[in-house]
Amino acid sequence: MNKLELIEALKNQEGLTKSEAAKVVEIFFGEMTEALAKNDRVEIRGLCSFYVKKYMAYTGRNPKTGETAMIKPKKLPFFKAGKELKERADHK
């Protein structure tokens, strides 16, 4: 499912206009993005959680040339499936 399909499902199930459904989806994902940008954890009980993981700088290697390079520290978002989501995905 992509964002447009989510908007369409929300429109059909809740009787919203397409622009109202799009606004709801934009607010939802916008707030999640803002929380992750502040290093907050986003948890949707029974479904999943999102968090930002910090990586320290390290020495890497270019696979083509074999040269070593210093990799800068970085932060990456992570998704962790909840127990209920894991169970539902396994049984369907």
Protein backbone atom coordinates (compact mmCIF):
# COMPACT_ATOMS: atom_id res chain seq x y z
CA MET A 1 0.00 0.00 0.00
CA ASN A 2 1.31 3.43 -0.86
CA LYS A 3 0.31 6.87 0.37
CA LEU A 4 -2.34 7.41 -2.33
CA GLU A 5 -3.92 4.04 -1.57
CA LEU A 6 -4.00 4.92 2.14
CA ILE A 7 -5.74 8.21 1.34
CA GLU A 8 -8.27 6.38 -0.84
CA ALA A 9 -8.98 3.79 1.90
CA LEU A 10 -9.47 6.52 4.49
CA LYS A 11 -11.78 8.40 2.11
CA ASN A 12 -13.91 5.32 1.41
CA GLN A 13 -14.10 3.95 4.96
CA GLU A 14 -14.71 7.22 6.80
CA GLY A 15 -16.72 9.13 4.21
CA LEU A 16 -14.19 11.95 3.98
CA THR A 17 -13.42 13.96 0.90
CA LYS A 18 -10.16 13.15 -0.82
CA SER A 19 -8.62 16.45 0.38
CA GLU A 20 -9.72 15.78 3.99
CA ALA A 21 -8.27 12.26 3.89
CA ALA A 22 -5.04 13.59 2.36
CA LYS A 23 -4.78 16.20 5.14
CA VAL A 24 -5.19 13.52 7.83
CA VAL A 25 -2.46 11.39 6.25
CA GLU A 26 -0.16 14.43 5.87
CA ILE A 27 -0.65 15.41 9.51
CA PHE A 28 -0.03 11.85 10.71
CA PHE A 29 3.19 11.35 8.76
CA GLY A 30 4.31 14.93 9.36
CA GLU A 31 4.03 14.50 13.12
CA MET A 32 5.86 11.17 12.98
CA THR A 33 8.66 12.78 10.96
CA GLU A 34 8.94 15.71 13.38
CA ALA A 35 9.11 13.37 16.38
CA LEU A 36 11.88 11.29 14.77
CA ALA A 37 13.76 14.47 13.82
CA LYS A 38 13.75 15.35 17.56
CA ASN A 39 15.08 11.84 18.36
CA ASP A 40 11.74 10.88 19.93
CA ARG A 41 10.42 7.35 19.63
CA VAL A 42 7.09 6.82 17.83
CA GLU A 43 5.11 3.84 19.08
CA ILE A 44 1.84 2.54 17.71
CA ARG A 45 0.77 -0.14 20.20
CA GLY A 46 0.24 -3.56 18.67
CA LEU A 47 1.60 -2.46 15.31
CA CYS A 48 5.13 -1.05 15.37
CA SER A 49 7.58 1.49 16.67
CA PHE A 50 9.98 3.84 14.93
CA TYR A 51 13.16 5.20 16.46
CA VAL A 52 16.42 6.83 15.45
CA LYS A 53 19.62 4.85 15.90
CA LYS A 54 22.94 6.66 16.20
CA TYR A 55 26.10 5.33 14.59
CA MET A 56 29.58 6.44 15.55
CA ALA A 57 32.23 7.30 12.96
CA TYR A 58 34.21 4.35 11.66
CA THR A 59 36.79 3.40 9.08
CA GLY A 60 35.28 1.83 5.99
CA ARG A 61 36.67 0.49 2.74
CA ASN A 62 35.77 1.31 -0.84
CA PRO A 63 34.95 -2.11 -2.37
CA LYS A 64 36.04 -1.05 -5.88
CA THR A 65 39.43 0.45 -5.03
CA GLY A 66 40.18 -1.11 -1.67
CA GLU A 67 41.01 2.34 -0.25
CA THR A 68 40.07 3.05 3.34
CA ALA A 69 37.86 6.01 4.11
CA MET A 70 36.56 7.61 7.29
CA ILE A 71 32.78 7.28 7.54
CA LYS A 72 31.13 10.17 9.40
CA PRO A 73 28.79 9.58 12.34
CA LYS A 74 25.15 9.36 11.31
CA LYS A 75 21.60 8.77 12.52
CA LEU A 76 19.20 6.45 10.73
CA PRO A 77 15.49 5.75 11.33
CA PHE A 78 14.50 2.21 12.25
CA PHE A 79 11.22 0.31 12.22
CA LYS A 80 10.44 -2.45 14.69
CA ALA A 81 7.34 -4.59 14.17
CA GLY A 82 5.12 -5.17 17.18
CA LYS A 83 4.08 -8.59 18.45
CA GLU A 84 0.55 -8.37 17.02
CA LEU A 85 1.83 -7.36 13.56
CA LYS A 86 4.34 -10.21 13.56
CA GLU A 87 1.62 -12.70 14.48
CA ARG A 88 -0.82 -11.41 11.85
CA ALA A 89 1.84 -11.43 9.12
CA ASP A 90 2.81 -14.99 10.02
CA HIS A 91 -0.77 -16.34 9.95
CA LYS A 92 -2.05 -14.80 6.73
